[in-house]
Amino acid sequence: MNTLFLGGVSTDAEVAKLMQNYKDAKPGDELSHEAISQLIEVPYGTHRYRTVVDRFRRLLFTQHNLEL
């Protein structure tokens, strides 16, 4: 039986770095996976990377109406 895991490590610090670095993003800007990975110090392709980037994308959409 599977159980839901709650209480993981917060993504606040990484997302804050991304929001600070890309606060002036506008439609048409390109963000590379390599640059994001280096900025947040999380290897590309890991579950952690995907979690942080998903949250970052949601915040960009809700706060700035930008979709990546």
N, C-alpha and C. Protein backbone atom coordinates (compact mmCIF):
# COMPACT_ATOMS: atom_id res chain seq x y z
N MET A 1 0.84 -1.17 0.00
CA MET A 1 0.00 0.00 0.00
C MET A 1 0.88 1.24 0.00
N ASN A 2 0.60 2.17 -0.88
CA ASN A 2 1.35 3.42 -0.94
C ASN A 2 0.81 4.42 0.06
N THR A 3 1.73 5.21 0.61
CA THR A 3 1.32 6.28 1.51
C THR A 3 1.84 7.59 0.97
N LEU A 4 1.14 8.64 1.25
CA LEU A 4 1.52 9.97 0.81
C LEU A 4 2.63 10.48 1.70
N PHE A 5 3.72 10.97 1.08
CA PHE A 5 4.85 11.51 1.83
C PHE A 5 4.67 13.01 1.99
N LEU A 6 4.63 13.47 3.21
CA LEU A 6 4.52 14.90 3.51
C LEU A 6 5.71 15.30 4.38
N GLY A 7 6.13 16.54 4.26
CA GLY A 7 7.20 17.02 5.11
C GLY A 7 8.56 16.99 4.44
N GLY A 8 8.59 17.13 3.11
CA GLY A 8 9.85 17.16 2.39
C GLY A 8 10.58 18.48 2.60
N VAL A 9 11.73 18.60 1.96
CA VAL A 9 12.55 19.80 2.08
C VAL A 9 11.90 20.93 1.29
N SER A 10 11.84 22.10 1.88
CA SER A 10 11.22 23.26 1.25
C SER A 10 11.98 23.71 0.01
N THR A 11 11.25 24.21 -0.97
CA THR A 11 11.86 24.73 -2.19
C THR A 11 11.98 26.26 -2.15
N ASP A 12 11.64 26.86 -1.03
CA ASP A 12 11.62 28.32 -0.92
C ASP A 12 12.94 28.98 -1.30
N ALA A 13 14.06 28.45 -0.82
CA ALA A 13 15.36 29.08 -1.07
C ALA A 13 15.70 29.08 -2.56
N GLU A 14 15.52 27.94 -3.23
CA GLU A 14 15.84 27.85 -4.65
C GLU A 14 14.91 28.72 -5.49
N VAL A 15 13.63 28.70 -5.16
CA VAL A 15 12.66 29.49 -5.92
C VAL A 15 12.93 30.98 -5.72
N ALA A 16 13.33 31.38 -4.52
CA ALA A 16 13.67 32.78 -4.27
C ALA A 16 14.86 33.22 -5.12
N LYS A 17 15.86 32.35 -5.26
CA LYS A 17 17.00 32.65 -6.13
C LYS A 17 16.56 32.85 -7.57
N LEU A 18 15.70 31.97 -8.04
CA LEU A 18 15.22 32.06 -9.42
C LEU A 18 14.38 33.32 -9.62
N MET A 19 13.50 33.61 -8.69
CA MET A 19 12.65 34.80 -8.81
C MET A 19 13.50 36.07 -8.79
N GLN A 20 14.53 36.10 -7.95
CA GLN A 20 15.41 37.27 -7.89
C GLN A 20 16.19 37.43 -9.19
N ASN A 21 16.71 36.34 -9.70
CA ASN A 21 17.55 36.39 -10.90
C ASN A 21 16.74 36.69 -12.16
N TYR A 22 15.50 36.20 -12.22
CA TYR A 22 14.67 36.37 -13.41
C TYR A 22 13.47 37.28 -13.14
N LYS A 23 13.62 38.23 -12.23
CA LYS A 23 12.50 39.11 -11.88
C LYS A 23 12.07 40.01 -13.03
N ASP A 24 12.97 40.27 -13.97
CA ASP A 24 12.65 41.12 -15.11
C ASP A 24 12.36 40.32 -16.38
N ALA A 25 12.03 39.05 -16.23
CA ALA A 25 11.73 38.21 -17.39
C ALA A 25 10.51 38.74 -18.12
N LYS A 26 10.56 38.61 -19.43
CA LYS A 26 9.43 39.06 -20.24
C LYS A 26 9.18 38.02 -21.34
N PRO A 27 8.04 38.07 -21.97
CA PRO A 27 7.74 37.09 -23.02
C PRO A 27 8.83 37.10 -24.09
N GLY A 28 9.25 35.92 -24.49
CA GLY A 28 10.28 35.78 -25.51
C GLY A 28 11.66 35.50 -24.94
N ASP A 29 11.86 35.74 -23.64
CA ASP A 29 13.15 35.43 -23.01
C ASP A 29 13.35 33.93 -22.97
N GLU A 30 14.59 33.51 -23.12
CA GLU A 30 14.92 32.09 -23.06
C GLU A 30 15.73 31.81 -21.81
N LEU A 31 15.32 30.79 -21.08
CA LEU A 31 16.03 30.37 -19.88
C LEU A 31 16.56 28.96 -20.14
N SER A 32 17.86 28.77 -19.98
CA SER A 32 18.43 27.45 -20.25
C SER A 32 18.41 26.61 -18.98
N HIS A 33 18.29 25.30 -19.17
CA HIS A 33 18.32 24.38 -18.04
C HIS A 33 19.67 24.46 -17.34
N GLU A 34 20.74 24.64 -18.12
CA GLU A 34 22.08 24.71 -17.53
C GLU A 34 22.22 25.91 -16.60
N ALA A 35 21.71 27.07 -17.03
CA ALA A 35 21.80 28.28 -16.20
C ALA A 35 20.97 28.13 -14.93
N ILE A 36 19.79 27.56 -15.06
CA ILE A 36 18.94 27.36 -13.89
C ILE A 36 19.58 26.37 -12.93
N SER A 37 20.12 25.29 -13.47
CA SER A 37 20.76 24.27 -12.65
C SER A 37 21.95 24.83 -11.88
N GLN A 38 22.76 25.66 -12.54
CA GLN A 38 23.91 26.26 -11.86
C GLN A 38 23.46 27.25 -10.80
N LEU A 39 22.43 28.01 -11.08
CA LEU A 39 21.95 29.02 -10.15
C LEU A 39 21.43 28.40 -8.86
N ILE A 40 20.63 27.35 -8.99
CA ILE A 40 20.04 26.74 -7.80
C ILE A 40 20.90 25.61 -7.23
N GLU A 41 21.98 25.28 -7.93
CA GLU A 41 22.93 24.25 -7.48
C GLU A 41 22.25 22.89 -7.28
N VAL A 42 21.39 22.56 -8.23
CA VAL A 42 20.71 21.26 -8.24
C VAL A 42 20.90 20.68 -9.63
N PRO A 43 21.37 19.43 -9.74
CA PRO A 43 21.61 18.84 -11.06
C PRO A 43 20.34 18.73 -11.90
N TYR A 44 20.48 19.07 -13.19
CA TYR A 44 19.37 18.96 -14.13
C TYR A 44 18.94 17.50 -14.24
N GLY A 45 17.65 17.28 -14.28
CA GLY A 45 17.12 15.94 -14.47
C GLY A 45 16.74 15.23 -13.18
N THR A 46 17.10 15.81 -12.04
CA THR A 46 16.74 15.17 -10.76
C THR A 46 15.30 15.55 -10.38
N HIS A 47 14.74 14.79 -9.48
CA HIS A 47 13.39 15.09 -9.01
C HIS A 47 13.36 16.44 -8.32
N ARG A 48 14.40 16.76 -7.59
CA ARG A 48 14.47 18.05 -6.90
C ARG A 48 14.44 19.20 -7.90
N TYR A 49 15.23 19.07 -8.97
CA TYR A 49 15.27 20.10 -10.01
C TYR A 49 13.87 20.31 -10.59
N ARG A 50 13.22 19.23 -10.92
CA ARG A 50 11.88 19.30 -11.51
C ARG A 50 10.89 19.96 -10.55
N THR A 51 10.98 19.62 -9.27
CA THR A 51 10.09 20.20 -8.27
C THR A 51 10.29 21.71 -8.15
N VAL A 52 11.55 22.13 -8.08
CA VAL A 52 11.86 23.56 -7.95
C VAL A 52 11.39 24.32 -9.20
N VAL A 53 11.70 23.80 -10.38
CA VAL A 53 11.35 24.49 -11.62
C VAL A 53 9.83 24.53 -11.80
N ASP A 54 9.14 23.47 -11.44
CA ASP A 54 7.67 23.47 -11.53
C ASP A 54 7.07 24.56 -10.64
N ARG A 55 7.59 24.68 -9.44
CA ARG A 55 7.07 25.73 -8.54
C ARG A 55 7.41 27.12 -9.08
N PHE A 56 8.61 27.29 -9.60
CA PHE A 56 9.03 28.56 -10.19
C PHE A 56 8.11 28.94 -11.35
N ARG A 57 7.81 27.98 -12.21
CA ARG A 57 6.94 28.24 -13.36
C ARG A 57 5.54 28.65 -12.90
N ARG A 58 5.02 27.97 -11.88
CA ARG A 58 3.70 28.32 -11.36
C ARG A 58 3.67 29.73 -10.80
N LEU A 59 4.73 30.10 -10.06
CA LEU A 59 4.80 31.45 -9.50
C LEU A 59 4.91 32.51 -10.59
N LEU A 60 5.71 32.25 -11.61
CA LEU A 60 5.82 33.20 -12.71
C LEU A 60 4.46 33.41 -13.37
N PHE A 61 3.72 32.34 -13.52
CA PHE A 61 2.42 32.46 -14.16
C PHE A 61 1.43 33.21 -13.28
N THR A 62 1.39 32.87 -12.00
CA THR A 62 0.39 33.51 -11.13
C THR A 62 0.75 34.95 -10.78
N GLN A 63 2.03 35.24 -10.61
CA GLN A 63 2.43 36.59 -10.19
C GLN A 63 2.70 37.54 -11.34
N HIS A 64 3.20 37.02 -12.46
CA HIS A 64 3.61 37.88 -13.57
C HIS A 64 2.91 37.56 -14.88
N ASN A 65 2.03 36.57 -14.86
CA ASN A 65 1.30 36.16 -16.06
C ASN A 65 2.26 35.75 -17.19
N LEU A 66 3.36 35.11 -16.81
CA LEU A 66 4.33 34.58 -17.79
C LEU A 66 4.29 33.08 -17.77
N GLU A 67 4.31 32.48 -18.94
CA GLU A 67 4.30 31.04 -19.03
C GLU A 67 5.58 30.57 -19.72
N LEU A 68 6.26 29.61 -19.09
CA LEU A 68 7.48 29.06 -19.68
C LEU A 68 7.18 27.74 -20.36
